[in-house]
């Protein structure tokens, strides 16, 4: 973006730091309603970065304060440099109705 001054000069040029998208953003419809009475288990997955477990500790406190009956299942990938292993993903899928994945630094 250029800013043009009244004398016609372009003295300041701003560059947007994000690149152009090659594809339009596509919202997805995954959600988990926490406002009912049905029993729910929500997984919290730390990714292995320092602070990710502490961050999820705080998230758990807030979630439980708003819905005390919510069951929380904790998971920790343990190594931020790898994808979550298949056995971990299978365990999450079997045990949880939804998941919050978090990172920290």
PDB file of N, CA and C in Angstrom:
ATOM      1  N   UNK A   1       0.853  -1.150   0.000  1.00  0.00           N
ATOM      2  CA  UNK A   1       0.000   0.000   0.000  1.00  0.00           C
ATOM      3  C   UNK A   1       0.907   1.224   0.000  1.00  0.00           C
ATOM      4  N   UNK A   2       0.620   2.152  -0.855  1.00  0.00           N
ATOM      5  CA  UNK A   2       1.340   3.417  -0.889  1.00  0.00           C
ATOM      6  C   UNK A   2       0.469   4.502  -0.287  1.00  0.00           C
ATOM      7  N   UNK A   3       1.089   5.406   0.407  1.00  0.00           N
ATOM      8  CA  UNK A   3       0.385   6.596   0.877  1.00  0.00           C
ATOM      9  C   UNK A   3       0.864   7.750   0.028  1.00  0.00           C
ATOM     10  N   UNK A   4      -0.090   8.400  -0.621  1.00  0.00           N
ATOM     11  CA  UNK A   4       0.282   9.492  -1.500  1.00  0.00           C
ATOM     12  C   UNK A   4      -0.007  10.809  -0.796  1.00  0.00           C
ATOM     13  N   UNK A   5       0.957  11.693  -0.818  1.00  0.00           N
ATOM     14  CA  UNK A   5       0.809  12.994  -0.195  1.00  0.00           C
ATOM     15  C   UNK A   5       0.171  13.966  -1.177  1.00  0.00           C
ATOM     16  N   UNK A   6      -0.299  15.099  -0.647  1.00  0.00           N
ATOM     17  CA  UNK A   6      -1.012  16.068  -1.474  1.00  0.00           C
ATOM     18  C   UNK A   6      -0.168  16.597  -2.629  1.00  0.00           C
ATOM     19  N   UNK A   7       1.151  16.567  -2.492  1.00  0.00           N
ATOM     20  CA  UNK A   7       2.005  17.035  -3.597  1.00  0.00           C
ATOM     21  C   UNK A   7       2.228  15.944  -4.647  1.00  0.00           C
ATOM     22  N   UNK A   8       1.586  14.780  -4.442  1.00  0.00           N
ATOM     23  CA  UNK A   8       1.686  13.700  -5.417  1.00  0.00           C
ATOM     24  C   UNK A   8       2.824  12.733  -5.172  1.00  0.00           C
ATOM     25  N   UNK A   9       3.651  12.988  -4.186  1.00  0.00           N
ATOM     26  CA  UNK A   9       4.781  12.102  -3.930  1.00  0.00           C
ATOM     27  C   UNK A   9       4.350  10.889  -3.114  1.00  0.00           C
ATOM     28  N   UNK A  10       5.069   9.804  -3.291  1.00  0.00           N
ATOM     29  CA  UNK A  10       4.861   8.583  -2.516  1.00  0.00           C
ATOM     30  C   UNK A  10       6.072   8.413  -1.620  1.00  0.00           C
ATOM     31  N   UNK A  11       6.021   8.938  -0.417  1.00  0.00           N
ATOM     32  CA  UNK A  11       7.189   8.896   0.443  1.00  0.00           C
ATOM     33  C   UNK A  11       7.159   7.726   1.413  1.00  0.00           C
ATOM     34  N   UNK A  12       5.989   7.179   1.676  1.00  0.00           N
ATOM     35  CA  UNK A  12       5.886   6.065   2.620  1.00  0.00           C
ATOM     36  C   UNK A  12       5.217   4.907   1.902  1.00  0.00           C
ATOM     37  N   UNK A  13       5.834   3.748   2.003  1.00  0.00           N
ATOM     38  CA  UNK A  13       5.235   2.555   1.414  1.00  0.00           C
ATOM     39  C   UNK A  13       5.138   1.490   2.501  1.00  0.00           C
ATOM     40  N   UNK A  14       3.947   0.951   2.688  1.00  0.00           N
ATOM     41  CA  UNK A  14       3.711  -0.096   3.671  1.00  0.00           C
ATOM     42  C   UNK A  14       3.580  -1.430   2.955  1.00  0.00           C
ATOM     43  N   UNK A  15       4.169  -2.442   3.533  1.00  0.00           N
ATOM     44  CA  UNK A  15       4.064  -3.788   2.985  1.00  0.00           C
ATOM     45  C   UNK A  15       3.299  -4.645   3.976  1.00  0.00           C
ATOM     46  N   UNK A  16       2.256  -5.284   3.507  1.00  0.00           N
ATOM     47  CA  UNK A  16       1.497  -6.196   4.345  1.00  0.00           C
ATOM     48  C   UNK A  16       2.358  -7.437   4.556  1.00  0.00           C
ATOM     49  N   UNK A  17       2.566  -7.878   5.826  1.00  0.00           N
ATOM     50  CA  UNK A  17       3.488  -8.994   6.084  1.00  0.00           C
ATOM     51  C   UNK A  17       2.958 -10.366   5.683  1.00  0.00           C
ATOM     52  N   UNK A  18       1.676 -10.480   5.398  1.00  0.00           N
ATOM     53  CA  UNK A  18       1.129 -11.783   5.008  1.00  0.00           C
ATOM     54  C   UNK A  18       1.132 -11.906   3.487  1.00  0.00           C
ATOM     55  N   UNK A  19       1.424 -13.079   3.038  1.00  0.00           N
ATOM     56  CA  UNK A  19       1.365 -13.328   1.609  1.00  0.00           C
ATOM     57  C   UNK A  19      -0.077 -13.439   1.130  1.00  0.00           C
ATOM     58  N   UNK A  20      -0.247 -13.436  -0.157  1.00  0.00           N
ATOM     59  CA  UNK A  20      -1.576 -13.606  -0.717  1.00  0.00           C
ATOM     60  C   UNK A  20      -1.982 -15.068  -0.623  1.00  0.00           C
ATOM     61  N   UNK A  21      -3.238 -15.307  -0.312  1.00  0.00           N
ATOM     62  CA  UNK A  21      -3.748 -16.680  -0.245  1.00  0.00           C
ATOM     63  C   UNK A  21      -3.942 -17.227  -1.648  1.00  0.00           C
ATOM     64  N   UNK A  22      -3.518 -18.455  -1.817  1.00  0.00           N
ATOM     65  CA  UNK A  22      -3.766 -19.107  -3.095  1.00  0.00           C
ATOM     66  C   UNK A  22      -5.164 -19.696  -3.136  1.00  0.00           C
ATOM     67  N   UNK A  23      -5.713 -19.983  -1.962  1.00  0.00           N
ATOM     68  CA  UNK A  23      -7.072 -20.503  -1.864  1.00  0.00           C
ATOM     69  C   UNK A  23      -7.825 -19.663  -0.843  1.00  0.00           C
ATOM     70  N   UNK A  24      -9.109 -19.543  -1.055  1.00  0.00           N
ATOM     71  CA  UNK A  24      -9.942 -18.815  -0.099  1.00  0.00           C
ATOM     72  C   UNK A  24     -10.004 -19.597   1.217  1.00  0.00           C
ATOM     73  N   UNK A  25     -10.078 -18.878   2.326  1.00  0.00           N
ATOM     74  CA  UNK A  25     -10.225 -19.528   3.630  1.00  0.00           C
ATOM     75  C   UNK A  25     -11.565 -20.259   3.661  1.00  0.00           C
ATOM     76  N   UNK A  26     -11.544 -21.471   4.185  1.00  0.00           N
ATOM     77  CA  UNK A  26     -12.768 -22.264   4.249  1.00  0.00           C
ATOM     78  C   UNK A  26     -13.073 -22.577   5.713  1.00  0.00           C
ATOM     79  N   UNK A  27     -14.096 -21.943   6.249  1.00  0.00           N
ATOM     80  CA  UNK A  27     -14.453 -22.259   7.643  1.00  0.00           C
ATOM     81  C   UNK A  27     -14.939 -23.705   7.745  1.00  0.00           C
ATOM     82  N   UNK A  28     -14.704 -24.304   8.894  1.00  0.00           N
ATOM     83  CA  UNK A  28     -15.161 -25.673   9.100  1.00  0.00           C
ATOM     84  C   UNK A  28     -16.170 -25.683  10.226  1.00  0.00           C
ATOM     85  N   UNK A  29     -17.009 -26.681  10.228  1.00  0.00           N
ATOM     86  CA  UNK A  29     -18.137 -26.732  11.128  1.00  0.00           C
ATOM     87  C   UNK A  29     -17.936 -27.587  12.362  1.00  0.00           C
ATOM     88  N   UNK A  30     -16.696 -27.863  12.747  1.00  0.00           N
ATOM     89  CA  UNK A  30     -16.479 -28.670  13.937  1.00  0.00           C
ATOM     90  C   UNK A  30     -16.716 -27.825  15.183  1.00  0.00           C
ATOM     91  N   UNK A  31     -17.503 -28.338  16.094  1.00  0.00           N
ATOM     92  CA  UNK A  31     -17.741 -27.632  17.347  1.00  0.00           C
ATOM     93  C   UNK A  31     -18.247 -28.620  18.383  1.00  0.00           C
ATOM     94  N   UNK A  32     -18.226 -28.180  19.618  1.00  0.00           N
ATOM     95  CA  UNK A  32     -18.729 -28.985  20.719  1.00  0.00           C
ATOM     96  C   UNK A  32     -19.463 -28.045  21.657  1.00  0.00           C
ATOM     97  N   UNK A  33     -20.761 -28.226  21.771  1.00  0.00           N
ATOM     98  CA  UNK A  33     -21.565 -27.376  22.653  1.00  0.00           C
ATOM     99  C   UNK A  33     -21.371 -27.822  24.097  1.00  0.00           C
ATOM    100  N   UNK A  34     -20.939 -26.915  24.933  1.00  0.00           N
ATOM    101  CA  UNK A  34     -20.689 -27.225  26.341  1.00  0.00           C
ATOM    102  C   UNK A  34     -21.820 -26.751  27.243  1.00  0.00           C
ATOM    103  N   UNK A  35     -22.900 -26.279  26.648  1.00  0.00           N
ATOM    104  CA  UNK A  35     -23.955 -25.668  27.448  1.00  0.00           C
ATOM    105  C   UNK A  35     -25.120 -26.602  27.786  1.00  0.00           C
ATOM    106  N   UNK A  36     -25.012 -27.871  27.560  1.00  0.00           N
ATOM    107  CA  UNK A  36     -26.090 -28.801  27.880  1.00  0.00           C
ATOM    108  C   UNK A  36     -25.812 -29.594  29.132  1.00  0.00           C
ATOM    109  N   UNK A  37     -26.677 -30.579  29.389  1.00  0.00           N
ATOM    110  CA  UNK A  37     -26.513 -31.446  30.554  1.00  0.00           C
ATOM    111  C   UNK A  37     -25.892 -32.793  30.206  1.00  0.00           C
ATOM    112  N   UNK A  38     -25.701 -33.055  28.922  1.00  0.00           N
ATOM    113  CA  UNK A  38     -25.156 -34.344  28.510  1.00  0.00           C
ATOM    114  C   UNK A  38     -23.728 -34.490  29.000  1.00  0.00           C
ATOM    115  N   UNK A  39     -23.341 -35.703  29.389  1.00  0.00           N
ATOM    116  CA  UNK A  39     -21.949 -35.914  29.820  1.00  0.00           C
ATOM    117  C   UNK A  39     -20.995 -35.756  28.633  1.00  0.00           C
ATOM    118  N   UNK A  40     -19.937 -35.016  28.853  1.00  0.00           N
ATOM    119  CA  UNK A  40     -18.954 -34.771  27.807  1.00  0.00           C
ATOM    120  C   UNK A  40     -17.546 -34.945  28.360  1.00  0.00           C
ATOM    121  N   UNK A  41     -16.677 -35.439  27.498  1.00  0.00           N
ATOM    122  CA  UNK A  41     -15.258 -35.496  27.822  1.00  0.00           C
ATOM    123  C   UNK A  41     -14.518 -34.641  26.812  1.00  0.00           C
ATOM    124  N   UNK A  42     -13.776 -33.684  27.328  1.00  0.00           N
ATOM    125  CA  UNK A  42     -12.996 -32.792  26.488  1.00  0.00           C
ATOM    126  C   UNK A  42     -11.518 -33.084  26.720  1.00  0.00           C
ATOM    127  N   UNK A  43     -10.799 -33.348  25.654  1.00  0.00           N
ATOM    128  CA  UNK A  43      -9.372 -33.598  25.754  1.00  0.00           C
ATOM    129  C   UNK A  43      -8.582 -32.309  25.664  1.00  0.00           C
ATOM    130  N   UNK A  44      -7.486 -32.249  26.401  1.00  0.00           N
ATOM    131  CA  UNK A  44      -6.551 -31.134  26.326  1.00  0.00           C
ATOM    132  C   UNK A  44      -5.194 -31.707  25.951  1.00  0.00           C
ATOM    133  N   UNK A  45      -4.682 -31.325  24.802  1.00  0.00           N
ATOM    134  CA  UNK A  45      -3.439 -31.882  24.268  1.00  0.00           C
ATOM    135  C   UNK A  45      -2.331 -30.840  24.278  1.00  0.00           C
ATOM    136  N   UNK A  46      -1.326 -31.061  25.113  1.00  0.00           N
ATOM    137  CA  UNK A  46      -0.132 -30.220  25.117  1.00  0.00           C
ATOM    138  C   UNK A  46       0.812 -30.738  24.036  1.00  0.00           C
ATOM    139  N   UNK A  47       1.516 -29.828  23.385  1.00  0.00           N
ATOM    140  CA  UNK A  47       2.328 -30.260  22.257  1.00  0.00           C
ATOM    141  C   UNK A  47       3.798 -30.451  22.566  1.00  0.00           C
ATOM    142  N   UNK A  48       4.215 -30.250  23.795  1.00  0.00           N
ATOM    143  CA  UNK A  48       5.611 -30.473  24.141  1.00  0.00           C
ATOM    144  C   UNK A  48       6.450 -29.219  24.237  1.00  0.00           C
ATOM    145  N   UNK A  49       5.931 -28.063  23.813  1.00  0.00           N
ATOM    146  CA  UNK A  49       6.669 -26.817  24.006  1.00  0.00           C
ATOM    147  C   UNK A  49       6.604 -26.425  25.470  1.00  0.00           C
ATOM    148  N   UNK A  50       7.640 -25.779  25.974  1.00  0.00           N
ATOM    149  CA  UNK A  50       7.584 -25.292  27.354  1.00  0.00           C
ATOM    150  C   UNK A  50       6.380 -24.365  27.541  1.00  0.00           C
ATOM    151  N   UNK A  51       5.657 -24.575  28.611  1.00  0.00           N
ATOM    152  CA  UNK A  51       4.500 -23.734  28.901  1.00  0.00           C
ATOM    153  C   UNK A  51       3.186 -24.287  28.410  1.00  0.00           C
ATOM    154  N   UNK A  52       3.199 -25.276  27.537  1.00  0.00           N
ATOM    155  CA  UNK A  52       1.933 -25.774  26.993  1.00  0.00           C
ATOM    156  C   UNK A  52       1.101 -26.482  28.063  1.00  0.00           C
ATOM    157  N   UNK A  53       1.746 -27.215  28.953  1.00  0.00           N
ATOM    158  CA  UNK A  53       1.010 -27.896  30.028  1.00  0.00           C
ATOM    159  C   UNK A  53       0.435 -26.864  31.001  1.00  0.00           C
ATOM    160  N   UNK A  54       1.238 -25.878  31.384  1.00  0.00           N
ATOM    161  CA  UNK A  54       0.761 -24.837  32.303  1.00  0.00           C
ATOM    162  C   UNK A  54      -0.398 -24.052  31.686  1.00  0.00           C
ATOM    163  N   UNK A  55      -0.316 -23.774  30.397  1.00  0.00           N
ATOM    164  CA  UNK A  55      -1.404 -23.077  29.720  1.00  0.00           C
ATOM    165  C   UNK A  55      -2.684 -23.903  29.792  1.00  0.00           C
ATOM    166  N   UNK A  56      -2.584 -25.202  29.515  1.00  0.00           N
ATOM    167  CA  UNK A  56      -3.770 -26.054  29.571  1.00  0.00           C
ATOM    168  C   UNK A  56      -4.273 -26.236  30.995  1.00  0.00           C
ATOM    169  N   UNK A  57      -3.392 -26.164  31.993  1.00  0.00           N
ATOM    170  CA  UNK A  57      -3.838 -26.171  33.386  1.00  0.00           C
ATOM    171  C   UNK A  57      -4.805 -25.009  33.615  1.00  0.00           C
ATOM    172  N   UNK A  58      -4.446 -23.832  33.124  1.00  0.00           N
ATOM    173  CA  UNK A  58      -5.294 -22.649  33.280  1.00  0.00           C
ATOM    174  C   UNK A  58      -6.599 -22.803  32.506  1.00  0.00           C
ATOM    175  N   UNK A  59      -6.532 -23.365  31.306  1.00  0.00           N
ATOM    176  CA  UNK A  59      -7.746 -23.602  30.507  1.00  0.00           C
ATOM    177  C   UNK A  59      -8.676 -24.561  31.244  1.00  0.00           C
ATOM    178  N   UNK A  60      -8.115 -25.603  31.832  1.00  0.00           N
ATOM    179  CA  UNK A  60      -8.928 -26.576  32.565  1.00  0.00           C
ATOM    180  C   UNK A  60      -9.654 -25.910  33.734  1.00  0.00           C
ATOM    181  N   UNK A  61      -8.971 -25.068  34.478  1.00  0.00           N
ATOM    182  CA  UNK A  61      -9.598 -24.376  35.615  1.00  0.00           C
ATOM    183  C   UNK A  61     -10.799 -23.559  35.145  1.00  0.00           C
ATOM    184  N   UNK A  62     -10.629 -22.832  34.056  1.00  0.00           N
ATOM    185  CA  UNK A  62     -11.727 -22.002  33.539  1.00  0.00           C
ATOM    186  C   UNK A  62     -12.882 -22.872  33.052  1.00  0.00           C
ATOM    187  N   UNK A  63     -12.565 -23.914  32.297  1.00  0.00           N
ATOM    188  CA  UNK A  63     -13.630 -24.798  31.794  1.00  0.00           C
ATOM    189  C   UNK A  63     -14.412 -25.437  32.936  1.00  0.00           C
ATOM    190  N   UNK A  64     -13.697 -25.943  33.940  1.00  0.00           N
ATOM    191  CA  UNK A  64     -14.367 -26.604  35.068  1.00  0.00           C
ATOM    192  C   UNK A  64     -15.163 -25.600  35.915  1.00  0.00           C
ATOM    193  N   UNK A  65     -14.736 -24.355  35.964  1.00  0.00           N
ATOM    194  CA  UNK A  65     -15.499 -23.355  36.712  1.00  0.00           C
ATOM    195  C   UNK A  65     -16.811 -23.036  36.014  1.00  0.00           C
ATOM    196  N   UNK A  66     -16.825 -23.163  34.700  1.00  0.00           N
ATOM    197  CA  UNK A  66     -18.039 -22.876  33.941  1.00  0.00           C
ATOM    198  C   UNK A  66     -18.933 -24.089  33.769  1.00  0.00           C
ATOM    199  N   UNK A  67     -18.326 -25.276  33.779  1.00  0.00           N
ATOM    200  CA  UNK A  67     -19.105 -26.512  33.668  1.00  0.00           C
ATOM    201  C   UNK A  67     -18.441 -27.587  34.515  1.00  0.00           C
ATOM    202  N   UNK A  68     -18.774 -27.629  35.813  1.00  0.00           N
ATOM    203  CA  UNK A  68     -18.127 -28.570  36.743  1.00  0.00           C
ATOM    204  C   UNK A  68     -18.283 -30.037  36.356  1.00  0.00           C
ATOM    205  N   UNK A  69     -19.348 -30.391  35.652  1.00  0.00           N
ATOM    206  CA  UNK A  69     -19.558 -31.798  35.293  1.00  0.00           C
ATOM    207  C   UNK A  69     -18.720 -32.251  34.101  1.00  0.00           C
ATOM    208  N   UNK A  70     -18.025 -31.327  33.465  1.00  0.00           N
ATOM    209  CA  UNK A  70     -17.204 -31.668  32.310  1.00  0.00           C
ATOM    210  C   UNK A  70     -16.042 -32.565  32.731  1.00  0.00           C
ATOM    211  N   UNK A  71     -15.866 -33.661  32.013  1.00  0.00           N
ATOM    212  CA  UNK A  71     -14.722 -34.532  32.253  1.00  0.00           C
ATOM    213  C   UNK A  71     -13.580 -34.071  31.357  1.00  0.00           C
ATOM    214  N   UNK A  72     -12.413 -33.913  31.951  1.00  0.00           N
ATOM    215  CA  UNK A  72     -11.231 -33.490  31.210  1.00  0.00           C
ATOM    216  C   UNK A  72     -10.265 -34.667  31.104  1.00  0.00           C
ATOM    217  N   UNK A  73      -9.801 -34.948  29.895  1.00  0.00           N
ATOM    218  CA  UNK A  73      -8.772 -35.968  29.657  1.00  0.00           C
ATOM    219  C   UNK A  73      -7.521 -35.238  29.175  1.00  0.00           C
ATOM    220  N   UNK A  74      -6.414 -35.450  29.860  1.00  0.00           N
ATOM    221  CA  UNK A  74      -5.182 -34.740  29.534  1.00  0.00           C
ATOM    222  C   UNK A  74      -4.263 -35.627  28.697  1.00  0.00           C
ATOM    223  N   UNK A  75      -3.653 -35.000  27.709  1.00  0.00           N
ATOM    224  CA  UNK A  75      -2.715 -35.681  26.820  1.00  0.00           C
ATOM    225  C   UNK A  75      -1.509 -34.769  26.622  1.00  0.00           C
ATOM    226  N   UNK A  76      -0.360 -35.360  26.396  1.00  0.00           N
ATOM    227  CA  UNK A  76       0.845 -34.582  26.155  1.00  0.00           C
ATOM    228  C   UNK A  76       1.654 -35.280  25.073  1.00  0.00           C
ATOM    229  N   UNK A  77       1.818 -34.612  23.959  1.00  0.00           N
ATOM    230  CA  UNK A  77       2.587 -35.170  22.848  1.00  0.00           C
ATOM    231  C   UNK A  77       4.045 -35.344  23.233  1.00  0.00           C
ATOM    232  N   UNK A  78       4.539 -34.484  24.130  1.00  0.00           N
ATOM    233  CA  UNK A  78       5.867 -34.640  24.685  1.00  0.00           C
ATOM    234  C   UNK A  78       7.014 -34.131  23.835  1.00  0.00           C
ATOM    235  N   UNK A  79       6.826 -34.017  22.550  1.00  0.00           N
ATOM    236  CA  UNK A  79       7.902 -33.593  21.664  1.00  0.00           C
ATOM    237  C   UNK A  79       7.304 -32.678  20.600  1.00  0.00           C
ATOM    238  N   UNK A  80       7.621 -31.411  20.706  1.00  0.00           N
ATOM    239  CA  UNK A  80       7.028 -30.431  19.792  1.00  0.00           C
ATOM    240  C   UNK A  80       7.469 -30.602  18.344  1.00  0.00           C
ATOM    241  N   UNK A  81       8.532 -31.352  18.107  1.00  0.00           N
ATOM    242  CA  UNK A  81       9.068 -31.462  16.749  1.00  0.00           C
ATOM    243  C   UNK A  81       8.470 -32.607  15.938  1.00  0.00           C
ATOM    244  N   UNK A  82       7.536 -33.355  16.526  1.00  0.00           N
ATOM    245  CA  UNK A  82       6.924 -34.484  15.795  1.00  0.00           C
ATOM    246  C   UNK A  82       5.419 -34.307  15.722  1.00  0.00           C
ATOM    247  N   UNK A  83       4.817 -34.969  14.757  1.00  0.00           N
ATOM    248  CA  UNK A  83       3.359 -35.038  14.705  1.00  0.00           C
ATOM    249  C   UNK A  83       2.880 -35.949  15.822  1.00  0.00           C
ATOM    250  N   UNK A  84       1.646 -35.769  16.223  1.00  0.00           N
ATOM    251  CA  UNK A  84       1.089 -36.652  17.245  1.00  0.00           C
ATOM    252  C   UNK A  84       1.072 -38.086  16.709  1.00  0.00           C
ATOM    253  N   UNK A  85       1.606 -39.041  17.475  1.00  0.00           N
ATOM    254  CA  UNK A  85       1.638 -40.432  17.022  1.00  0.00           C
ATOM    255  C   UNK A  85       0.222 -41.009  16.870  1.00  0.00           C
ATOM    256  N   UNK A  86       0.073 -41.914  15.935  1.00  0.00           N
ATOM    257  CA  UNK A  86      -1.235 -42.535  15.673  1.00  0.00           C
ATOM    258  C   UNK A  86      -1.876 -43.132  16.922  1.00  0.00           C
ATOM    259  N   UNK A  87      -1.138 -43.875  17.774  1.00  0.00           N
ATOM    260  CA  UNK A  87      -1.777 -44.429  18.973  1.00  0.00           C
ATOM    261  C   UNK A  87      -2.352 -43.335  19.889  1.00  0.00           C
ATOM    262  N   UNK A  88      -1.674 -42.200  19.973  1.00  0.00           N
ATOM    263  CA  UNK A  88      -2.184 -41.085  20.766  1.00  0.00           C
ATOM    264  C   UNK A  88      -3.459 -40.532  20.150  1.00  0.00           C
ATOM    265  N   UNK A  89      -3.458 -40.338  18.846  1.00  0.00           N
ATOM    266  CA  UNK A  89      -4.648 -39.831  18.161  1.00  0.00           C
ATOM    267  C   UNK A  89      -5.823 -40.793  18.309  1.00  0.00           C
ATOM    268  N   UNK A  90      -5.556 -42.091  18.223  1.00  0.00           N
ATOM    269  CA  UNK A  90      -6.617 -43.089  18.392  1.00  0.00           C
ATOM    270  C   UNK A  90      -7.180 -43.033  19.805  1.00  0.00           C
ATOM    271  N   UNK A  91      -6.331 -42.897  20.798  1.00  0.00           N
ATOM    272  CA  UNK A  91      -6.768 -42.798  22.196  1.00  0.00           C
ATOM    273  C   UNK A  91      -7.644 -41.566  22.390  1.00  0.00           C
ATOM    274  N   UNK A  92      -7.231 -40.448  21.833  1.00  0.00           N
ATOM    275  CA  UNK A  92      -8.023 -39.221  21.928  1.00  0.00           C
ATOM    276  C   UNK A  92      -9.384 -39.420  21.275  1.00  0.00           C
ATOM    277  N   UNK A  93      -9.402 -40.003  20.072  1.00  0.00           N
ATOM    278  CA  UNK A  93     -10.661 -40.198  19.337  1.00  0.00           C
ATOM    279  C   UNK A  93     -11.626 -41.095  20.094  1.00  0.00           C
ATOM    280  N   UNK A  94     -11.112 -42.119  20.770  1.00  0.00           N
ATOM    281  CA  UNK A  94     -11.965 -43.053  21.515  1.00  0.00           C
ATOM    282  C   UNK A  94     -12.503 -42.422  22.794  1.00  0.00           C
ATOM    283  N   UNK A  95     -11.664 -41.672  23.479  1.00  0.00           N
ATOM    284  CA  UNK A  95     -12.014 -41.176  24.813  1.00  0.00           C
ATOM    285  C   UNK A  95     -12.711 -39.822  24.842  1.00  0.00           C
ATOM    286  N   UNK A  96     -12.588 -39.026  23.781  1.00  0.00           N
ATOM    287  CA  UNK A  96     -13.014 -37.630  23.870  1.00  0.00           C
ATOM    288  C   UNK A  96     -14.118 -37.272  22.877  1.00  0.00           C
ATOM    289  N   UNK A  97     -14.961 -36.349  23.309  1.00  0.00           N
ATOM    290  CA  UNK A  97     -15.983 -35.780  22.427  1.00  0.00           C
ATOM    291  C   UNK A  97     -15.430 -34.589  21.652  1.00  0.00           C
ATOM    292  N   UNK A  98     -14.397 -33.969  22.176  1.00  0.00           N
ATOM    293  CA  UNK A  98     -13.753 -32.822  21.552  1.00  0.00           C
ATOM    294  C   UNK A  98     -12.355 -32.672  22.110  1.00  0.00           C
ATOM    295  N   UNK A  99     -11.571 -31.804  21.505  1.00  0.00           N
ATOM    296  CA  UNK A  99     -10.174 -31.647  21.901  1.00  0.00           C
ATOM    297  C   UNK A  99      -9.740 -30.199  21.726  1.00  0.00           C
ATOM    298  N   UNK A 100      -8.965 -29.714  22.671  1.00  0.00           N
ATOM    299  CA  UNK A 100      -8.268 -28.446  22.519  1.00  0.00           C
ATOM    300  C   UNK A 100      -6.789 -28.795  22.472  1.00  0.00           C
ATOM    301  N   UNK A 101      -6.146 -28.438  21.370  1.00  0.00           N
ATOM    302  CA  UNK A 101      -4.704 -28.647  21.229  1.00  0.00           C
ATOM    303  C   UNK A 101      -4.028 -27.316  21.489  1.00  0.00           C
ATOM    304  N   UNK A 102      -2.975 -27.320  22.279  1.00  0.00           N
ATOM    305  CA  UNK A 102      -2.331 -26.075  22.652  1.00  0.00           C
ATOM    306  C   UNK A 102      -0.832 -26.167  22.514  1.00  0.00           C
ATOM    307  N   UNK A 103      -0.241 -25.010  22.387  1.00  0.00           N
ATOM    308  CA  UNK A 103       1.208 -24.920  22.362  1.00  0.00           C
ATOM    309  C   UNK A 103       1.641 -23.856  23.358  1.00  0.00           C
ATOM    310  N   UNK A 104       2.883 -23.814  23.665  1.00  0.00           N
ATOM    311  CA  UNK A 104       3.382 -22.810  24.585  1.00  0.00           C
ATOM    312  C   UNK A 104       4.798 -22.432  24.232  1.00  0.00           C
ATOM    313  N   UNK A 105       5.279 -21.402  24.827  1.00  0.00           N
ATOM    314  CA  UNK A 105       6.661 -20.939  24.644  1.00  0.00           C
ATOM    315  C   UNK A 105       7.071 -20.190  25.867  1.00  0.00           C
TER     316      UNK A 105
END
